């Protein structure tokens, strides 16, 4: 799909494109669009509120008890994996590119 977009863009502009740069640009734009929903999905299982009896429920799904229900444990596990494998590497890549940019422009 990404290569089709690059080819269409090349035909429309009729100039040479660096395919690697264009792929990185398109993938970065797509990740930027999905970034907030991914972060929100990862963080929501950790947002809990306390009941007067001492139990805690998820703020987003009050019927799920925090740290007691198996559904909550599954959500925490999936959120942690997505955070470690998608969110943190993306943020690290953006930070690295921002740090390296001035030296690449010399």
N, C-alpha and C. Protein backbone atom coordinates (compact mmCIF):
# COMPACT_ATOMS: atom_id res chain seq x y z
N UNK A 1 0.82 -1.19 0.00
CA UNK A 1 0.00 0.00 0.00
C UNK A 1 0.86 1.26 0.00
N UNK A 2 1.90 1.26 0.82
CA UNK A 2 2.79 2.41 0.92
C UNK A 2 3.49 2.65 -0.41
N UNK A 3 3.94 1.58 -1.05
CA UNK A 3 4.62 1.72 -2.33
C UNK A 3 3.68 2.24 -3.41
N UNK A 4 2.41 1.87 -3.35
CA UNK A 4 1.43 2.39 -4.31
C UNK A 4 1.27 3.89 -4.12
N UNK A 5 1.22 4.35 -2.87
CA UNK A 5 1.13 5.79 -2.61
C UNK A 5 2.36 6.53 -3.13
N UNK A 6 3.53 5.95 -2.95
CA UNK A 6 4.76 6.58 -3.43
C UNK A 6 4.75 6.64 -4.96
N UNK A 7 4.35 5.55 -5.60
CA UNK A 7 4.31 5.53 -7.07
C UNK A 7 3.31 6.56 -7.60
N UNK A 8 2.16 6.65 -6.96
CA UNK A 8 1.16 7.63 -7.39
C UNK A 8 1.69 9.05 -7.20
N UNK A 9 2.36 9.28 -6.13
CA UNK A 9 2.92 10.61 -5.87
C UNK A 9 4.00 10.95 -6.89
N UNK A 10 4.81 9.97 -7.26
CA UNK A 10 5.86 10.19 -8.24
C UNK A 10 5.27 10.53 -9.60
N UNK A 11 4.23 9.81 -9.99
CA UNK A 11 3.60 10.07 -11.28
C UNK A 11 2.96 11.45 -11.29
N UNK A 12 2.32 11.82 -10.18
CA UNK A 12 1.65 13.11 -10.13
C UNK A 12 2.63 14.27 -10.13
N UNK A 13 3.75 14.11 -9.49
CA UNK A 13 4.74 15.20 -9.41
C UNK A 13 5.77 15.16 -10.53
N UNK A 14 5.95 14.00 -11.14
CA UNK A 14 6.88 13.80 -12.24
C UNK A 14 8.30 14.26 -11.89
N UNK A 15 8.78 13.88 -10.74
CA UNK A 15 10.18 14.13 -10.40
C UNK A 15 10.69 12.95 -9.59
N UNK A 16 11.99 12.84 -9.50
CA UNK A 16 12.56 11.68 -8.82
C UNK A 16 12.34 11.79 -7.31
N UNK A 17 12.08 10.65 -6.71
CA UNK A 17 11.86 10.59 -5.28
C UNK A 17 12.79 9.56 -4.67
N UNK A 18 13.24 9.83 -3.49
CA UNK A 18 13.99 8.84 -2.75
C UNK A 18 12.98 7.95 -2.04
N UNK A 19 12.88 6.70 -2.46
CA UNK A 19 11.85 5.79 -1.96
C UNK A 19 11.96 5.58 -0.45
N UNK A 20 13.19 5.47 0.06
CA UNK A 20 13.37 5.27 1.50
C UNK A 20 12.84 6.44 2.31
N UNK A 21 13.11 7.64 1.85
CA UNK A 21 12.64 8.84 2.54
C UNK A 21 11.12 8.92 2.48
N UNK A 22 10.58 8.62 1.32
CA UNK A 22 9.12 8.66 1.18
C UNK A 22 8.44 7.60 2.05
N UNK A 23 9.01 6.40 2.12
CA UNK A 23 8.44 5.35 2.98
C UNK A 23 8.46 5.78 4.45
N UNK A 24 9.59 6.32 4.88
CA UNK A 24 9.70 6.78 6.26
C UNK A 24 8.70 7.90 6.54
N UNK A 25 8.52 8.79 5.58
CA UNK A 25 7.58 9.89 5.74
C UNK A 25 6.15 9.39 5.86
N UNK A 26 5.76 8.47 5.00
CA UNK A 26 4.39 7.95 5.02
C UNK A 26 4.15 7.12 6.28
N UNK A 27 5.10 6.26 6.64
CA UNK A 27 4.92 5.45 7.85
C UNK A 27 4.89 6.31 9.11
N UNK A 28 5.71 7.36 9.14
CA UNK A 28 5.68 8.28 10.28
C UNK A 28 4.36 9.02 10.38
N UNK A 29 3.81 9.41 9.25
CA UNK A 29 2.51 10.09 9.25
C UNK A 29 1.40 9.16 9.72
N UNK A 30 1.45 7.91 9.27
CA UNK A 30 0.43 6.95 9.70
C UNK A 30 0.55 6.66 11.19
N UNK A 31 1.77 6.55 11.69
CA UNK A 31 1.97 6.31 13.13
C UNK A 31 1.51 7.51 13.94
N UNK A 32 1.75 8.70 13.42
CA UNK A 32 1.32 9.91 14.11
C UNK A 32 -0.20 9.94 14.25
N UNK A 33 -0.90 9.46 13.23
CA UNK A 33 -2.36 9.42 13.29
C UNK A 33 -2.85 8.43 14.34
N UNK A 34 -2.19 7.30 14.46
CA UNK A 34 -2.63 6.25 15.39
C UNK A 34 -2.02 6.40 16.78
N UNK A 35 -1.09 7.32 16.95
CA UNK A 35 -0.32 7.41 18.19
C UNK A 35 -1.19 7.65 19.42
N UNK A 36 -2.08 8.62 19.37
CA UNK A 36 -2.87 8.96 20.55
C UNK A 36 -3.81 7.82 20.95
N UNK A 37 -4.42 7.16 19.98
CA UNK A 37 -5.31 6.05 20.34
C UNK A 37 -4.52 4.88 20.92
N UNK A 38 -3.30 4.64 20.42
CA UNK A 38 -2.46 3.58 21.00
C UNK A 38 -2.05 3.92 22.43
N UNK A 39 -1.64 5.16 22.65
CA UNK A 39 -1.24 5.57 24.00
C UNK A 39 -2.42 5.46 24.96
N UNK A 40 -3.56 5.92 24.53
CA UNK A 40 -4.75 5.87 25.38
C UNK A 40 -5.12 4.43 25.71
N UNK A 41 -5.05 3.56 24.72
CA UNK A 41 -5.36 2.14 24.96
C UNK A 41 -4.39 1.50 25.93
N UNK A 42 -3.14 1.93 25.89
CA UNK A 42 -2.12 1.37 26.80
C UNK A 42 -2.28 1.88 28.22
N UNK A 43 -2.70 3.11 28.38
CA UNK A 43 -2.73 3.75 29.70
C UNK A 43 -4.04 3.48 30.45
N UNK A 44 -5.14 3.32 29.74
CA UNK A 44 -6.45 3.17 30.40
C UNK A 44 -6.52 2.06 31.44
N UNK A 45 -5.90 0.89 31.26
CA UNK A 45 -5.99 -0.12 32.32
C UNK A 45 -5.34 0.30 33.64
N UNK A 46 -4.46 1.28 33.60
CA UNK A 46 -3.78 1.73 34.82
C UNK A 46 -4.52 2.85 35.53
N UNK A 47 -5.60 3.37 34.94
CA UNK A 47 -6.36 4.46 35.55
C UNK A 47 -7.52 3.84 36.32
N UNK A 48 -7.39 3.80 37.62
CA UNK A 48 -8.39 3.18 38.49
C UNK A 48 -8.87 4.18 39.54
N UNK A 49 -10.05 3.96 40.04
CA UNK A 49 -10.55 4.78 41.15
C UNK A 49 -10.98 3.86 42.29
N UNK A 50 -10.95 4.38 43.49
CA UNK A 50 -11.24 3.57 44.69
C UNK A 50 -12.72 3.62 45.05
N UNK A 51 -13.23 2.47 45.51
CA UNK A 51 -14.58 2.38 46.06
C UNK A 51 -14.49 2.60 47.56
N UNK A 52 -15.59 2.97 48.20
CA UNK A 52 -15.57 3.13 49.66
C UNK A 52 -15.18 1.84 50.39
N UNK A 53 -15.45 0.69 49.81
CA UNK A 53 -15.13 -0.59 50.45
C UNK A 53 -13.66 -0.99 50.30
N UNK A 54 -12.89 -0.23 49.54
CA UNK A 54 -11.47 -0.52 49.38
C UNK A 54 -11.10 -1.11 48.03
N UNK A 55 -12.06 -1.61 47.27
CA UNK A 55 -11.76 -2.15 45.94
C UNK A 55 -11.54 -1.00 44.97
N UNK A 56 -10.95 -1.33 43.85
CA UNK A 56 -10.71 -0.33 42.81
C UNK A 56 -11.30 -0.83 41.50
N UNK A 57 -11.86 0.11 40.73
CA UNK A 57 -12.41 -0.20 39.41
C UNK A 57 -11.71 0.66 38.37
N UNK A 58 -11.73 0.16 37.13
CA UNK A 58 -11.19 0.95 36.04
C UNK A 58 -12.09 2.15 35.81
N UNK A 59 -11.51 3.30 35.58
CA UNK A 59 -12.30 4.50 35.34
C UNK A 59 -13.08 4.38 34.04
N UNK A 60 -12.52 3.72 33.05
CA UNK A 60 -13.18 3.57 31.75
C UNK A 60 -14.24 2.49 31.76
N UNK A 61 -14.03 1.43 32.54
CA UNK A 61 -14.98 0.31 32.63
C UNK A 61 -15.20 -0.02 34.10
N UNK A 62 -16.15 0.65 34.75
CA UNK A 62 -16.35 0.46 36.19
C UNK A 62 -16.68 -0.98 36.61
N UNK A 63 -17.15 -1.80 35.69
CA UNK A 63 -17.51 -3.17 36.06
C UNK A 63 -16.27 -4.06 36.21
N UNK A 64 -15.11 -3.59 35.78
CA UNK A 64 -13.87 -4.38 35.87
C UNK A 64 -13.08 -3.92 37.09
N UNK A 65 -12.85 -4.83 38.02
CA UNK A 65 -12.08 -4.50 39.22
C UNK A 65 -10.59 -4.54 38.91
N UNK A 66 -9.91 -3.49 39.32
CA UNK A 66 -8.47 -3.39 39.07
C UNK A 66 -7.70 -4.37 39.94
N UNK A 67 -6.75 -5.03 39.33
CA UNK A 67 -5.81 -5.94 39.98
C UNK A 67 -6.48 -7.17 40.60
N UNK A 68 -7.78 -7.38 40.32
CA UNK A 68 -8.47 -8.56 40.83
C UNK A 68 -9.08 -9.39 39.71
N UNK A 69 -9.58 -8.76 38.68
CA UNK A 69 -10.24 -9.47 37.58
C UNK A 69 -9.22 -9.94 36.55
N UNK A 70 -9.48 -11.10 35.96
CA UNK A 70 -8.56 -11.61 34.94
C UNK A 70 -8.60 -10.73 33.69
N UNK A 71 -9.75 -10.11 33.41
CA UNK A 71 -9.84 -9.21 32.27
C UNK A 71 -8.89 -8.02 32.44
N UNK A 72 -8.78 -7.53 33.66
CA UNK A 72 -7.88 -6.41 33.92
C UNK A 72 -6.43 -6.83 33.75
N UNK A 73 -6.09 -8.00 34.22
CA UNK A 73 -4.72 -8.49 34.06
C UNK A 73 -4.36 -8.63 32.59
N UNK A 74 -5.30 -9.09 31.79
CA UNK A 74 -5.07 -9.22 30.35
C UNK A 74 -4.87 -7.85 29.72
N UNK A 75 -5.70 -6.89 30.09
CA UNK A 75 -5.56 -5.53 29.55
C UNK A 75 -4.24 -4.90 29.94
N UNK A 76 -3.81 -5.10 31.17
CA UNK A 76 -2.53 -4.56 31.63
C UNK A 76 -1.38 -5.20 30.86
N UNK A 77 -1.45 -6.51 30.65
CA UNK A 77 -0.39 -7.21 29.92
C UNK A 77 -0.31 -6.72 28.47
N UNK A 78 -1.44 -6.64 27.79
CA UNK A 78 -1.45 -6.18 26.40
C UNK A 78 -1.01 -4.73 26.31
N UNK A 79 -1.48 -3.90 27.21
CA UNK A 79 -1.07 -2.49 27.22
C UNK A 79 0.42 -2.33 27.45
N UNK A 80 0.98 -3.14 28.33
CA UNK A 80 2.42 -3.06 28.60
C UNK A 80 3.24 -3.50 27.40
N UNK A 81 2.79 -4.56 26.72
CA UNK A 81 3.51 -5.05 25.53
C UNK A 81 3.46 -4.02 24.41
N UNK A 82 2.28 -3.45 24.16
CA UNK A 82 2.15 -2.44 23.11
C UNK A 82 2.99 -1.21 23.45
N UNK A 83 2.99 -0.82 24.71
CA UNK A 83 3.80 0.31 25.14
C UNK A 83 5.28 0.05 24.89
N UNK A 84 5.73 -1.16 25.23
CA UNK A 84 7.15 -1.49 25.08
C UNK A 84 7.56 -1.70 23.63
N UNK A 85 6.67 -2.24 22.80
CA UNK A 85 7.05 -2.60 21.43
C UNK A 85 6.68 -1.57 20.38
N UNK A 86 5.76 -0.67 20.67
CA UNK A 86 5.36 0.31 19.66
C UNK A 86 5.54 1.75 20.11
N UNK A 87 5.06 2.08 21.28
CA UNK A 87 5.07 3.48 21.72
C UNK A 87 6.48 3.95 22.04
N UNK A 88 7.17 3.24 22.92
CA UNK A 88 8.51 3.67 23.33
C UNK A 88 9.52 3.69 22.19
N UNK A 89 9.55 2.68 21.29
CA UNK A 89 10.47 2.77 20.16
C UNK A 89 10.16 3.95 19.23
N UNK A 90 8.88 4.25 19.03
CA UNK A 90 8.52 5.39 18.19
C UNK A 90 9.00 6.69 18.82
N UNK A 91 8.76 6.86 20.10
CA UNK A 91 9.21 8.08 20.79
C UNK A 91 10.74 8.17 20.78
N UNK A 92 11.41 7.05 20.99
CA UNK A 92 12.88 7.04 20.94
C UNK A 92 13.39 7.39 19.55
N UNK A 93 12.75 6.88 18.51
CA UNK A 93 13.15 7.20 17.14
C UNK A 93 12.95 8.66 16.81
N UNK A 94 11.84 9.23 17.25
CA UNK A 94 11.59 10.65 17.03
C UNK A 94 12.61 11.50 17.79
N UNK A 95 12.92 11.12 19.03
CA UNK A 95 13.92 11.85 19.81
C UNK A 95 15.30 11.76 19.16
N UNK A 96 15.67 10.58 18.67
CA UNK A 96 16.96 10.41 18.00
C UNK A 96 17.04 11.22 16.72
N UNK A 97 15.98 11.21 15.93
CA UNK A 97 15.96 11.99 14.70
C UNK A 97 16.04 13.48 14.98
N UNK A 98 15.35 13.93 16.03
CA UNK A 98 15.40 15.34 16.40
C UNK A 98 16.80 15.73 16.87
N UNK A 99 17.44 14.85 17.62
CA UNK A 99 18.79 15.13 18.12
C UNK A 99 19.80 15.13 16.98
N UNK A 100 19.65 14.22 16.03
CA UNK A 100 20.62 14.09 14.94
C UNK A 100 20.40 15.09 13.81
N UNK A 101 19.25 15.68 13.72
CA UNK A 101 18.91 16.55 12.60
C UNK A 101 19.90 17.69 12.38
N UNK A 102 20.29 18.45 13.42
CA UNK A 102 21.23 19.56 13.16
C UNK A 102 22.55 19.11 12.54
N UNK A 103 23.07 17.98 13.00
CA UNK A 103 24.36 17.53 12.45
C UNK A 103 24.20 16.99 11.02
N UNK A 104 23.04 16.50 10.67
CA UNK A 104 22.81 16.01 9.31
C UNK A 104 22.64 17.15 8.31
N UNK A 105 22.26 18.30 8.78
CA UNK A 105 22.03 19.45 7.89
C UNK A 105 23.29 20.25 7.61
N UNK A 106 24.42 19.89 8.21
CA UNK A 106 25.68 20.63 7.97
C UNK A 106 26.34 20.18 6.73
